[in-house]
Protein backbone atom coordinates (compact mmCIF):
# COMPACT_ATOMS: atom_id res chain seq x y z
CA UNK A 1 23.04 -25.73 19.06
CA UNK A 2 26.07 -27.76 18.51
CA UNK A 3 29.28 -27.07 20.45
CA UNK A 4 32.04 -25.99 18.33
CA UNK A 5 34.86 -28.66 17.69
CA UNK A 6 38.08 -26.91 16.78
CA UNK A 7 39.19 -27.56 12.99
CA UNK A 8 42.55 -28.07 11.87
CA UNK A 9 41.94 -25.84 8.95
CA UNK A 10 41.38 -22.79 10.77
CA UNK A 11 45.00 -21.54 10.49
CA UNK A 12 45.01 -21.96 6.83
CA UNK A 13 41.62 -20.43 6.20
CA UNK A 14 42.49 -17.29 8.29
CA UNK A 15 45.62 -16.85 5.85
CA UNK A 16 43.65 -17.24 3.10
CA UNK A 17 41.09 -14.75 4.10
CA UNK A 18 43.89 -12.21 4.61
CA UNK A 19 45.37 -12.85 1.24
CA UNK A 20 42.76 -13.22 -1.40
CA UNK A 21 39.56 -11.23 -2.34
CA UNK A 22 37.63 -14.50 -2.15
CA UNK A 23 37.83 -17.79 -0.47
CA UNK A 24 35.91 -20.80 -1.50
CA UNK A 25 35.32 -23.54 1.05
CA UNK A 26 33.89 -26.98 -0.49
CA UNK A 27 33.11 -30.31 0.95
CA UNK A 28 30.34 -32.57 1.48
CA UNK A 29 27.17 -31.55 3.31
CA UNK A 30 27.27 -31.73 6.95
CA UNK A 31 31.07 -31.50 7.15
CA UNK A 32 30.82 -28.34 9.17
CA UNK A 33 31.50 -25.55 6.65
CA UNK A 34 28.86 -23.22 7.90
CA UNK A 35 29.57 -23.75 11.64
CA UNK A 36 33.38 -23.23 10.92
CA UNK A 37 32.77 -19.93 8.91
CA UNK A 38 30.23 -18.60 11.39
CA UNK A 39 32.66 -19.32 14.54
CA UNK A 40 35.67 -17.82 12.90
CA UNK A 41 34.09 -15.04 10.86
CA UNK A 42 30.52 -14.37 12.22
CA UNK A 43 31.62 -11.40 13.90
CA UNK A 44 33.14 -9.76 10.63
CA UNK A 45 31.14 -11.12 7.81
CA UNK A 46 27.22 -10.95 7.16
CA UNK A 47 25.88 -14.58 6.34
CA UNK A 48 23.52 -15.31 3.38
CA UNK A 49 22.28 -18.83 2.37
CA UNK A 50 21.56 -19.48 -1.19
CA UNK A 51 19.79 -22.70 -0.65
CA UNK A 52 16.37 -21.30 0.08
CA UNK A 53 14.47 -20.86 -3.02
CA UNK A 54 13.39 -16.99 -2.75
CA UNK A 55 17.07 -16.04 -1.90
CA UNK A 56 18.32 -18.14 -4.79
CA UNK A 57 15.67 -16.52 -6.90
CA UNK A 58 16.75 -12.94 -5.95
CA UNK A 59 20.33 -13.66 -6.88
CA UNK A 60 19.44 -14.97 -10.15
CA UNK A 61 16.89 -12.31 -11.26
CA UNK A 62 19.19 -9.30 -10.39
CA UNK A 63 22.48 -10.40 -9.32
CA UNK A 64 24.03 -6.80 -9.14
CA UNK A 65 21.10 -5.60 -7.15
CA UNK A 66 21.56 -8.59 -4.92
CA UNK A 67 25.10 -7.99 -4.36
CA UNK A 68 24.66 -4.36 -3.64
CA UNK A 69 21.83 -5.48 -1.02
CA UNK A 70 24.38 -7.68 0.60
CA UNK A 71 27.64 -5.58 0.64
CA UNK A 72 31.05 -7.26 1.65
CA UNK A 73 32.44 -8.87 3.68
CA UNK A 74 29.86 -11.36 3.46
CA UNK A 75 29.66 -15.20 3.49
CA UNK A 76 27.47 -16.70 0.70
CA UNK A 77 26.63 -20.32 1.50
CA UNK A 78 25.89 -23.24 -1.13
CA UNK A 79 26.85 -20.85 -3.93
CA UNK A 80 26.27 -23.67 -6.41
CA UNK A 81 22.59 -22.88 -6.05
CA UNK A 82 23.45 -19.33 -7.78
CA UNK A 83 26.57 -20.01 -9.64
CA UNK A 84 26.13 -17.25 -12.20
CA UNK A 85 26.41 -15.04 -9.20
CA UNK A 86 30.40 -15.83 -9.56
CA UNK A 87 30.52 -13.60 -12.84
CA UNK A 88 29.19 -10.36 -10.94
CA UNK A 89 31.29 -11.36 -7.67
CA UNK A 90 34.36 -11.13 -10.08
CA UNK A 91 33.17 -7.70 -11.20
CA UNK A 92 32.97 -6.45 -7.73
CA UNK A 93 36.47 -7.78 -6.76
CA UNK A 94 38.01 -6.18 -10.05
CA UNK A 95 36.95 -2.81 -8.55
CA UNK A 96 39.63 -3.31 -5.65
CA UNK A 97 41.75 -6.44 -5.82
CA UNK A 98 43.62 -5.34 -2.89
CA UNK A 99 40.52 -5.75 -0.67
CA UNK A 100 41.11 -9.21 0.68
CA UNK A 101 38.43 -11.44 2.45
CA UNK A 102 35.53 -9.86 0.74
CA UNK A 103 33.65 -12.88 -0.52
CA UNK A 104 33.63 -16.23 1.50
CA UNK A 105 31.82 -18.80 -0.45
CA UNK A 106 30.87 -22.25 0.27
CA UNK A 107 29.85 -25.27 -1.74
CA UNK A 108 29.29 -28.89 -1.96
CA UNK A 109 29.41 -29.76 -5.76
CA UNK A 110 32.74 -29.39 -6.89
CA UNK A 111 31.95 -30.55 -10.35
CA UNK A 112 29.45 -27.74 -10.98
CA UNK A 113 31.72 -25.34 -8.93
CA UNK A 114 35.17 -25.68 -10.49
CA UNK A 115 33.90 -24.91 -14.01
CA UNK A 116 32.54 -21.64 -13.11
CA UNK A 117 35.38 -20.85 -10.67
CA UNK A 118 37.97 -21.50 -13.55
CA UNK A 119 35.95 -19.15 -15.82
CA UNK A 120 35.54 -16.36 -13.42
CA UNK A 121 37.62 -16.20 -10.04
CA UNK A 122 40.94 -17.77 -11.19
CA UNK A 123 43.80 -15.89 -9.53
CA UNK A 124 41.13 -14.07 -7.14
CA UNK A 125 40.00 -16.87 -4.98
CA UNK A 126 41.73 -19.34 -2.65
CA UNK A 127 39.87 -22.91 -2.90
CA UNK A 128 39.95 -24.86 0.21
CA UNK A 129 38.41 -28.41 1.20
CA UNK A 130 36.75 -29.37 4.45
CA UNK A 131 35.77 -33.09 4.90
CA UNK A 132 34.22 -34.55 8.14
CA UNK A 133 36.19 -34.59 11.43
CA UNK A 134 39.51 -36.37 11.57
CA UNK A 135 40.37 -38.37 14.75
CA UNK A 136 42.59 -35.77 15.81
CA UNK A 137 39.81 -33.12 15.98
CA UNK A 138 37.68 -35.32 17.75
CA UNK A 139 40.23 -36.03 20.33
CA UNK A 140 41.10 -32.45 20.70
CA UNK A 141 44.43 -32.36 18.87
CA UNK A 142 43.73 -30.27 16.03
CA UNK A 143 47.47 -29.53 15.48
CA UNK A 144 48.71 -33.13 15.50
CA UNK A 145 51.69 -34.08 13.63
CA UNK A 146 52.43 -37.20 11.56
CA UNK A 147 54.64 -39.65 13.01
CA UNK A 148 57.49 -38.92 10.32
CA UNK A 149 57.25 -35.16 11.51
CA UNK A 150 57.96 -35.81 15.25
CA UNK A 151 60.23 -37.78 17.30
CA UNK A 152 57.92 -38.24 20.36
CA UNK A 153 56.24 -41.63 20.70
CA UNK A 154 53.23 -40.60 22.79
CA UNK A 155 49.73 -41.31 21.63
CA UNK A 156 46.96 -38.56 21.87
CA UNK A 157 45.02 -41.35 23.77
CA UNK A 158 45.17 -44.68 25.20
CA UNK A 159 43.15 -46.47 22.76
CA UNK A 160 40.08 -48.86 23.45
CA UNK A 161 39.55 -51.02 20.47
CA UNK A 162 35.89 -51.22 21.00
CA UNK A 163 35.47 -47.31 21.30
CA UNK A 164 37.53 -46.97 18.11
CA UNK A 165 35.09 -49.44 16.17
CA UNK A 166 32.24 -47.63 17.51
CA UNK A 167 33.75 -44.38 16.31
CA UNK A 168 34.00 -45.91 12.84
CA UNK A 169 30.64 -47.43 12.82
CA UNK A 170 29.16 -43.93 13.57
CA UNK A 171 31.48 -41.85 11.22
CA UNK A 172 33.01 -38.51 11.48
CA UNK A 173 30.36 -36.21 10.89
CA UNK A 174 30.11 -33.16 13.57
CA UNK A 175 26.47 -33.90 14.38
CA UNK A 176 27.01 -37.46 15.43
CA UNK A 177 30.04 -36.60 17.08
CA UNK A 178 28.43 -34.15 19.27
CA UNK A 179 25.21 -36.35 20.00
CA UNK A 180 26.53 -39.73 20.97
CA UNK A 181 22.83 -40.86 21.67
CA UNK A 182 21.66 -40.17 18.15
CA UNK A 183 20.71 -43.09 15.84
CA UNK A 184 23.57 -43.42 13.42
CA UNK A 185 21.77 -45.57 11.08
CA UNK A 186 18.71 -43.35 10.78
CA UNK A 187 21.34 -40.18 10.38
CA UNK A 188 23.01 -41.89 7.60
CA UNK A 189 19.78 -43.13 5.87
CA UNK A 190 18.74 -39.46 6.10
CA UNK A 191 21.96 -38.12 4.91
CA UNK A 192 22.10 -40.39 1.82
CA UNK A 193 18.63 -39.47 0.76
CA UNK A 194 19.29 -35.94 1.06
CA UNK A 195 22.54 -36.41 -0.82
CA UNK A 196 20.75 -38.14 -3.66
CA UNK A 197 17.76 -35.42 -3.95
CA UNK A 198 19.63 -32.43 -3.47
CA UNK A 199 23.34 -33.17 -5.11
CA UNK A 200 23.04 -36.27 -7.41
CA UNK A 201 19.74 -35.25 -8.89
CA UNK A 202 21.29 -31.78 -10.14
CA UNK A 203 23.98 -33.43 -12.06
CA UNK A 204 23.44 -34.21 -15.58
CA UNK A 205 25.22 -37.68 -15.48
CA UNK A 206 22.53 -39.12 -13.19
CA UNK A 207 18.98 -39.97 -14.46
CA UNK A 208 17.95 -43.00 -12.34
CA UNK A 209 18.26 -42.46 -8.57
CA UNK A 210 17.47 -45.92 -7.52
CA UNK A 211 20.01 -47.36 -10.00
CA UNK A 212 22.60 -44.86 -8.41
CA UNK A 213 21.70 -46.10 -5.11
CA UNK A 214 22.53 -49.43 -5.98
CA UNK A 215 25.98 -48.04 -7.56
CA UNK A 216 26.60 -46.71 -4.13
CA UNK A 217 26.26 -50.01 -2.45
CA UNK A 218 28.28 -51.84 -5.06
CA UNK A 219 31.24 -49.35 -4.46
CA UNK A 220 30.85 -49.97 -0.74
CA UNK A 221 31.09 -53.64 -1.11
CA UNK A 222 34.63 -53.08 -2.86
CA UNK A 223 36.29 -50.53 -0.57
CA UNK A 224 39.96 -51.09 -0.36
CA UNK A 225 39.76 -53.44 -3.62
CA UNK A 226 41.11 -52.54 -6.95
CA UNK A 227 38.27 -51.00 -8.81
CA UNK A 228 37.25 -52.69 -11.91
CA UNK A 229 34.45 -50.62 -13.68
CA UNK A 230 33.34 -53.39 -16.04
CA UNK A 231 32.56 -55.71 -12.74
CA UNK A 232 30.21 -53.09 -11.27
CA UNK A 233 28.69 -52.15 -14.63
CA UNK A 234 27.98 -56.06 -14.82
CA UNK A 235 26.35 -56.38 -11.44
CA UNK A 236 24.28 -53.23 -11.47
CA UNK A 237 23.32 -53.66 -15.22
CA UNK A 238 24.59 -50.48 -16.67
CA UNK A 239 27.29 -49.61 -19.12
CA UNK A 240 31.05 -49.14 -18.20
CA UNK A 241 30.87 -45.37 -19.34
CA UNK A 242 28.09 -44.82 -16.82
CA UNK A 243 29.93 -46.20 -13.98
CA UNK A 244 32.88 -44.12 -14.81
CA UNK A 245 30.68 -41.02 -14.93
CA UNK A 246 28.84 -41.80 -11.70
CA UNK A 247 32.13 -42.57 -9.92
CA UNK A 248 33.36 -39.03 -11.09
CA UNK A 249 30.11 -37.73 -9.39
CA UNK A 250 30.85 -39.34 -6.09
CA UNK A 251 34.50 -37.78 -6.26
CA UNK A 252 33.11 -34.48 -7.13
CA UNK A 253 30.61 -34.44 -4.37
CA UNK A 254 33.34 -35.43 -1.89
CA UNK A 255 31.60 -38.79 -1.16
CA UNK A 256 34.80 -40.87 -2.11
CA UNK A 257 38.50 -40.73 -2.33
CA UNK A 258 40.36 -42.19 -5.10
CA UNK A 259 43.52 -43.63 -4.62
CA UNK A 260 45.88 -44.45 -7.46
CA UNK A 261 48.77 -46.76 -7.82
CA UNK A 262 52.37 -45.01 -7.47
CA UNK A 263 54.42 -44.95 -10.49
CA UNK A 264 57.66 -43.01 -10.96
CA UNK A 265 56.45 -42.24 -14.41
CA UNK A 266 53.52 -40.04 -13.53
CA UNK A 267 51.45 -40.82 -16.69
CA UNK A 268 51.01 -44.38 -15.74
CA UNK A 269 49.13 -43.46 -12.61
CA UNK A 270 46.42 -42.29 -14.67
CA UNK A 271 45.69 -45.63 -16.71
CA UNK A 272 45.98 -48.19 -14.03
CA UNK A 273 43.34 -49.39 -11.69
CA UNK A 274 42.54 -47.39 -8.66
CA UNK A 275 41.23 -48.16 -5.30
CA UNK A 276 38.03 -46.13 -4.07
CA UNK A 277 37.41 -45.25 -0.45
CA UNK A 278 34.62 -43.70 1.15
CA UNK A 279 35.66 -40.31 2.67
CA UNK A 280 33.49 -40.98 6.05
CA UNK A 281 33.68 -44.66 7.10
CA UNK A 282 30.37 -44.35 8.95
CA UNK A 283 28.86 -43.87 5.37
CA UNK A 284 30.68 -47.14 4.12
CA UNK A 285 29.25 -49.17 7.27
CA UNK A 286 25.78 -47.94 6.70
CA UNK A 287 25.92 -48.74 2.86
CA UNK A 288 27.33 -52.46 3.62
CA UNK A 289 24.87 -53.04 6.57
CA UNK A 290 27.14 -53.08 9.54
CA UNK A 291 25.26 -51.92 12.48
CA UNK A 292 27.12 -53.00 15.61
CA UNK A 293 30.71 -53.76 16.60
CA UNK A 294 30.33 -57.43 16.96
CA UNK A 295 29.06 -57.55 13.31
CA UNK A 296 31.89 -55.55 12.29
CA UNK A 297 34.50 -57.57 14.21
CA UNK A 298 33.26 -61.03 12.86
CA UNK A 299 32.53 -59.78 9.40
CA UNK A 300 34.57 -59.91 6.10
CA UNK A 301 34.62 -55.90 6.10
CA UNK A 302 36.78 -55.37 9.16
CA UNK A 303 39.91 -54.94 7.12
CA UNK A 304 38.47 -52.77 4.54
CA UNK A 305 36.73 -50.34 7.14
CA UNK A 306 39.81 -49.96 9.16
CA UNK A 307 42.12 -49.25 6.17
CA UNK A 308 39.33 -46.78 4.98
CA UNK A 309 39.26 -45.11 8.36
CA UNK A 310 43.04 -44.71 8.23
CA UNK A 311 43.42 -43.49 4.67
CA UNK A 312 40.61 -40.89 5.52
CA UNK A 313 42.62 -39.76 8.37
CA UNK A 314 45.79 -38.94 6.49
CA UNK A 315 43.64 -37.34 3.71
CA UNK A 316 41.63 -34.95 5.87
CA UNK A 317 44.88 -33.80 7.90
CA UNK A 318 46.72 -32.94 4.65
CA UNK A 319 43.52 -31.08 3.31
CA UNK A 320 43.45 -29.21 6.52
CA UNK A 321 46.75 -27.91 5.96
CA UNK A 322 45.65 -26.63 2.52
CA UNK A 323 47.75 -29.21 0.68
CA UNK A 324 46.49 -31.04 -2.12
CA UNK A 325 47.17 -34.71 -0.90
CA UNK A 326 49.60 -36.98 -2.97
CA UNK A 327 48.40 -40.11 -1.64
CA UNK A 328 48.86 -43.54 -3.56
CA UNK A 329 48.94 -47.19 -3.03
CA UNK A 330 51.90 -49.37 -4.34
CA UNK A 331 51.14 -52.81 -5.71
CA UNK A 332 53.54 -55.14 -7.70
CA UNK A 333 52.63 -57.57 -10.58
CA UNK A 334 52.74 -60.56 -8.00
CA UNK A 335 50.34 -58.85 -5.69
CA UNK A 336 52.92 -57.44 -3.15
CA UNK A 337 51.36 -54.17 -1.72
CA UNK A 338 51.76 -51.06 0.53
CA UNK A 339 48.34 -49.54 1.48
CA UNK A 340 49.45 -45.93 1.56
CA UNK A 341 52.15 -43.88 0.41
CA UNK A 342 52.17 -40.30 1.24
CA UNK A 343 54.35 -38.03 -0.91
CA UNK A 344 55.81 -34.81 0.56
CA UNK A 345 58.53 -32.87 -0.94
CA UNK A 346 59.89 -35.64 -2.92
CA UNK A 347 59.93 -38.18 -0.06
CA UNK A 348 57.62 -41.19 0.05
CA UNK A 349 56.27 -42.11 3.57
CA UNK A 350 54.74 -45.63 3.47
CA UNK A 351 51.82 -46.98 5.71
CA UNK A 352 50.59 -50.42 6.06
CA UNK A 353 47.27 -50.82 7.82
CA UNK A 354 46.46 -53.92 9.88
CA UNK A 355 43.02 -54.37 11.77
CA UNK A 356 44.75 -56.02 14.74
CA UNK A 357 45.84 -55.36 17.93
CA UNK A 358 49.05 -57.42 18.03
CA UNK A 359 51.55 -56.34 15.46
CA UNK A 360 54.11 -59.12 13.98
CA UNK A 361 57.33 -58.50 11.83
CA UNK A 362 55.86 -60.42 9.02
CA UNK A 363 53.28 -57.35 8.71
CA UNK A 364 56.27 -55.28 7.59
CA UNK A 365 56.94 -57.28 4.31
CA UNK A 366 55.17 -55.29 1.97
CA UNK A 367 57.25 -52.10 3.29
CA UNK A 368 60.58 -54.07 3.04
CA UNK A 369 59.77 -55.04 -0.60
CA UNK A 370 59.16 -51.43 -1.61
CA UNK A 371 62.40 -50.28 -0.28
CA UNK A 372 64.10 -53.18 -2.67
CA UNK A 373 62.11 -52.30 -5.54
CA UNK A 374 61.39 -48.48 -5.48
CA UNK A 375 64.20 -46.18 -6.56
CA UNK A 376 62.54 -43.22 -5.43
CA UNK A 377 63.55 -41.60 -2.05
CA UNK A 378 61.56 -43.59 0.92
CA UNK A 379 61.38 -42.53 4.15
CA UNK A 380 60.66 -44.57 7.39
CA UNK A 381 57.75 -46.96 7.10
CA UNK A 382 54.81 -47.58 9.51
CA UNK A 383 52.48 -50.41 10.25
CA UNK A 384 49.34 -48.67 11.73
CA UNK A 385 47.27 -51.31 14.03
CA UNK A 386 44.43 -51.09 16.65
CA UNK A 387 46.55 -51.78 19.78
CA UNK A 388 48.70 -49.78 21.94
CA UNK A 389 52.23 -50.90 21.20
CA UNK A 390 55.08 -48.87 19.31
CA UNK A 391 57.80 -51.40 18.37
CA UNK A 392 60.24 -52.02 15.50
CA UNK A 393 59.14 -54.74 12.95
CA UNK A 394 62.17 -54.60 10.57
CA UNK A 395 64.89 -52.05 9.75
CA UNK A 396 63.44 -48.59 9.22
CA UNK A 397 59.91 -49.89 9.84
CA UNK A 398 57.93 -49.13 12.90
CA UNK A 399 54.59 -50.41 14.13
CA UNK A 400 52.39 -47.63 15.77
CA UNK A 401 49.05 -47.37 17.22
CA UNK A 402 46.20 -45.61 15.07
CA UNK A 403 46.21 -42.78 17.72
CA UNK A 404 49.73 -41.90 16.57
CA UNK A 405 48.93 -41.36 13.17
């Protein structure tokens, strides 16, 4: 049995259970959803997994009888396997809307769940997302703040670059974190196969799993680059519409984060080329064939891996607060770019990512250009690097260690 790692989302989850009749916790397989719920609610809620065929069949054949046999409060794990049960859960909830925390539901397929939840549990359920562990959770700092939220300059740890790179190669899934001697490549190979067989196969947009696996690797090779669907389609021999549909599958099953360019005009964000990042950097490393630190350092993917890691950290920590992340990148027509813009309460927080241990003033050039060109309210900028130093690089731009983010 894995020891429990305290999750940053705990406070938000407890609040949701106390204020909504149902709570839906979604996220990729193996992110720790079941472990979290059994840790926090195991003493108060019964637990039923809908993944096993016999239980799934019982829930489908006689949903009202199934709910009578499993009275509230109850956790139903992997609800997408019996999603029609949601209609009958709604019926039960409507008998007493003031009874909070009746049903706790988990799922790993947002594409299938969202449609049914919108139809049935709108206004009755809080929806939260749990991704693999953040660095702050791994380091025991589950309540860590972003640098723009605190005046302190202390880091959680003094970083060792090699240790950080090892962590990136392995990824942030709880099982790999708890078992440092487990072979990460074998684990990710098994994870990808399970993902293809159990999640992708059930989605109507995917027919050929072998072709889809080629698509996965093509997306990984383009991490941190502008995503051009026609280029991917040409490389793997499918249509542009297929590429777009498959990218939606990856996003809906929580395998990727799609970053769109920032424009003051919101509608423009939807039509310009986005960037695609894997939710877990270990998955990215596995798909691109990275197996050891020396290979990572010397190879052409080091910058993309570090950028993916930083973006995933920002994204996870915002989700763990129950916030829908408003995260973008900024790019001019001449190619000047800022890797991350975090929009909170009308203020943009710029972050540039550099896979280097020695920050230099020139690394702040993208952020200083942003200050000149963008009329929106922009806060202090940060250049996140692999070293230990905290120092000013330009007016209102500071270099900070990864561990301060």
